[in-house]
């Protein structure tokens, strides 16, 4: 894990720990809905932390190639992107269900 990934991972874990502590103390966690970008970044972090180093390198290579060539040149959606988008939808649905 590089420095930026480590910082994002620590920030995510610190926020998660704060929310758990608030729930244990009975603090009302009325939150605004999670945004598309927040859910996407969280899904990317989850994917990177749950993948092997080899999978992360493969994903990075594929993402770089799609960026350089352009998304219109890619005929199929990458497996890792399907996984990230599915996780993003789960996060958004879970968050929206909690707010109602």
C-alpha atoms as a PDB file:
ATOM      1  CA  UNK A   1       0.000   0.000   0.000  1.00  0.00           C
ATOM      2  CA  UNK A   2       1.481   3.351  -0.964  1.00  0.00           C
ATOM      3  CA  UNK A   3       1.447   6.503   1.166  1.00  0.00           C
ATOM      4  CA  UNK A   4      -1.774   7.957  -0.275  1.00  0.00           C
ATOM      5  CA  UNK A   5      -3.648   4.678   0.073  1.00  0.00           C
ATOM      6  CA  UNK A   6      -2.400   4.392   3.662  1.00  0.00           C
ATOM      7  CA  UNK A   7      -3.607   7.907   4.486  1.00  0.00           C
ATOM      8  CA  UNK A   8      -7.024   7.298   2.946  1.00  0.00           C
ATOM      9  CA  UNK A   9      -7.318   3.955   4.719  1.00  0.00           C
ATOM     10  CA  UNK A  10      -6.412   5.501   8.094  1.00  0.00           C
ATOM     11  CA  UNK A  11      -8.842   8.401   7.588  1.00  0.00           C
ATOM     12  CA  UNK A  12     -11.616   5.969   6.678  1.00  0.00           C
ATOM     13  CA  UNK A  13     -10.887   3.737   9.693  1.00  0.00           C
ATOM     14  CA  UNK A  14     -10.700   6.723  12.065  1.00  0.00           C
ATOM     15  CA  UNK A  15     -14.079   7.991  10.867  1.00  0.00           C
ATOM     16  CA  UNK A  16     -15.565   4.502  11.203  1.00  0.00           C
ATOM     17  CA  UNK A  17     -14.204   4.173  14.754  1.00  0.00           C
ATOM     18  CA  UNK A  18     -15.664   7.585  15.697  1.00  0.00           C
ATOM     19  CA  UNK A  19     -19.082   6.556  14.420  1.00  0.00           C
ATOM     20  CA  UNK A  20     -18.936   3.282  16.354  1.00  0.00           C
ATOM     21  CA  UNK A  21     -18.004   5.142  19.546  1.00  0.00           C
ATOM     22  CA  UNK A  22     -20.899   7.565  19.055  1.00  0.00           C
ATOM     23  CA  UNK A  23     -23.326   4.687  18.540  1.00  0.00           C
ATOM     24  CA  UNK A  24     -22.098   2.982  21.714  1.00  0.00           C
ATOM     25  CA  UNK A  25     -22.602   6.215  23.682  1.00  0.00           C
ATOM     26  CA  UNK A  26     -26.095   6.626  22.252  1.00  0.00           C
ATOM     27  CA  UNK A  27     -25.329   9.737  20.191  1.00  0.00           C
ATOM     28  CA  UNK A  28     -27.900  10.385  17.453  1.00  0.00           C
ATOM     29  CA  UNK A  29     -26.135   9.929  14.129  1.00  0.00           C
ATOM     30  CA  UNK A  30     -28.496  11.813  11.861  1.00  0.00           C
ATOM     31  CA  UNK A  31     -26.478  12.123   8.695  1.00  0.00           C
ATOM     32  CA  UNK A  32     -27.046  13.583   5.309  1.00  0.00           C
ATOM     33  CA  UNK A  33     -27.177  11.150   2.401  1.00  0.00           C
ATOM     34  CA  UNK A  34     -23.859   9.939   1.062  1.00  0.00           C
ATOM     35  CA  UNK A  35     -22.902  11.495  -2.261  1.00  0.00           C
ATOM     36  CA  UNK A  36     -22.090   9.574  -5.435  1.00  0.00           C
ATOM     37  CA  UNK A  37     -18.400  10.511  -5.166  1.00  0.00           C
ATOM     38  CA  UNK A  38     -18.157   9.583  -1.470  1.00  0.00           C
ATOM     39  CA  UNK A  39     -19.656   6.173  -2.177  1.00  0.00           C
ATOM     40  CA  UNK A  40     -17.363   5.659  -5.164  1.00  0.00           C
ATOM     41  CA  UNK A  41     -14.192   6.549  -3.222  1.00  0.00           C
ATOM     42  CA  UNK A  42     -15.244   4.313  -0.323  1.00  0.00           C
ATOM     43  CA  UNK A  43     -15.924   1.463  -2.761  1.00  0.00           C
ATOM     44  CA  UNK A  44     -12.495   1.979  -4.380  1.00  0.00           C
ATOM     45  CA  UNK A  45     -10.785   1.861  -0.983  1.00  0.00           C
ATOM     46  CA  UNK A  46     -12.719  -1.262  -0.014  1.00  0.00           C
ATOM     47  CA  UNK A  47     -11.738  -2.894  -3.301  1.00  0.00           C
ATOM     48  CA  UNK A  48      -8.062  -1.973  -2.941  1.00  0.00           C
ATOM     49  CA  UNK A  49      -7.833  -3.166   0.662  1.00  0.00           C
ATOM     50  CA  UNK A  50      -9.617  -6.454  -0.043  1.00  0.00           C
ATOM     51  CA  UNK A  51      -7.582  -7.263  -3.181  1.00  0.00           C
ATOM     52  CA  UNK A  52      -4.196  -8.926  -3.380  1.00  0.00           C
ATOM     53  CA  UNK A  53      -1.175  -6.893  -4.486  1.00  0.00           C
ATOM     54  CA  UNK A  54      -1.236  -8.720  -7.821  1.00  0.00           C
ATOM     55  CA  UNK A  55      -4.908  -7.813  -8.342  1.00  0.00           C
ATOM     56  CA  UNK A  56      -4.193  -4.183  -7.424  1.00  0.00           C
ATOM     57  CA  UNK A  57      -1.397  -4.009 -10.007  1.00  0.00           C
ATOM     58  CA  UNK A  58      -3.627  -5.583 -12.631  1.00  0.00           C
ATOM     59  CA  UNK A  59      -6.436  -3.140 -11.810  1.00  0.00           C
ATOM     60  CA  UNK A  60      -4.056  -0.177 -11.943  1.00  0.00           C
ATOM     61  CA  UNK A  61      -2.691  -1.306 -15.315  1.00  0.00           C
ATOM     62  CA  UNK A  62      -6.196  -1.784 -16.721  1.00  0.00           C
ATOM     63  CA  UNK A  63      -7.403   1.588 -15.372  1.00  0.00           C
ATOM     64  CA  UNK A  64      -4.329   3.347 -16.805  1.00  0.00           C
ATOM     65  CA  UNK A  65      -4.784   1.686 -20.176  1.00  0.00           C
ATOM     66  CA  UNK A  66      -8.466   2.711 -20.282  1.00  0.00           C
ATOM     67  CA  UNK A  67      -7.522   6.266 -19.310  1.00  0.00           C
ATOM     68  CA  UNK A  68      -4.861   6.535 -22.029  1.00  0.00           C
ATOM     69  CA  UNK A  69      -6.874   4.803 -24.767  1.00  0.00           C
ATOM     70  CA  UNK A  70     -10.166   6.319 -23.719  1.00  0.00           C
ATOM     71  CA  UNK A  71     -13.300   4.711 -22.393  1.00  0.00           C
ATOM     72  CA  UNK A  72     -14.923   4.579 -25.844  1.00  0.00           C
ATOM     73  CA  UNK A  73     -12.187   2.223 -27.040  1.00  0.00           C
ATOM     74  CA  UNK A  74     -12.894  -0.274 -24.263  1.00  0.00           C
ATOM     75  CA  UNK A  75     -15.453  -2.807 -25.447  1.00  0.00           C
ATOM     76  CA  UNK A  76     -16.169  -4.375 -22.072  1.00  0.00           C
ATOM     77  CA  UNK A  77     -16.333  -3.008 -18.581  1.00  0.00           C
ATOM     78  CA  UNK A  78     -13.491  -4.191 -16.370  1.00  0.00           C
ATOM     79  CA  UNK A  79     -14.273  -6.768 -13.694  1.00  0.00           C
ATOM     80  CA  UNK A  80     -12.880  -4.544 -10.950  1.00  0.00           C
ATOM     81  CA  UNK A  81     -15.057  -1.624 -12.084  1.00  0.00           C
ATOM     82  CA  UNK A  82     -18.174  -3.790 -11.903  1.00  0.00           C
ATOM     83  CA  UNK A  83     -17.169  -4.754  -8.378  1.00  0.00           C
ATOM     84  CA  UNK A  84     -16.546  -1.109  -7.395  1.00  0.00           C
ATOM     85  CA  UNK A  85     -19.820   0.124  -8.904  1.00  0.00           C
ATOM     86  CA  UNK A  86     -21.774  -2.680  -7.210  1.00  0.00           C
ATOM     87  CA  UNK A  87     -20.217  -1.784  -3.842  1.00  0.00           C
ATOM     88  CA  UNK A  88     -20.980   1.918  -4.439  1.00  0.00           C
ATOM     89  CA  UNK A  89     -24.638   1.117  -5.021  1.00  0.00           C
ATOM     90  CA  UNK A  90     -24.720  -0.988  -1.833  1.00  0.00           C
ATOM     91  CA  UNK A  91     -23.225   1.888   0.163  1.00  0.00           C
ATOM     92  CA  UNK A  92     -25.668   4.411  -1.255  1.00  0.00           C
ATOM     93  CA  UNK A  93     -28.658   2.122  -0.658  1.00  0.00           C
ATOM     94  CA  UNK A  94     -27.571   1.340   2.908  1.00  0.00           C
ATOM     95  CA  UNK A  95     -27.045   5.015   3.645  1.00  0.00           C
ATOM     96  CA  UNK A  96     -30.363   6.041   2.114  1.00  0.00           C
ATOM     97  CA  UNK A  97     -32.204   3.354   4.093  1.00  0.00           C
ATOM     98  CA  UNK A  98     -30.643   4.604   7.338  1.00  0.00           C
ATOM     99  CA  UNK A  99     -31.710   8.187   6.692  1.00  0.00           C
ATOM    100  CA  UNK A 100     -35.399   7.316   6.407  1.00  0.00           C
END
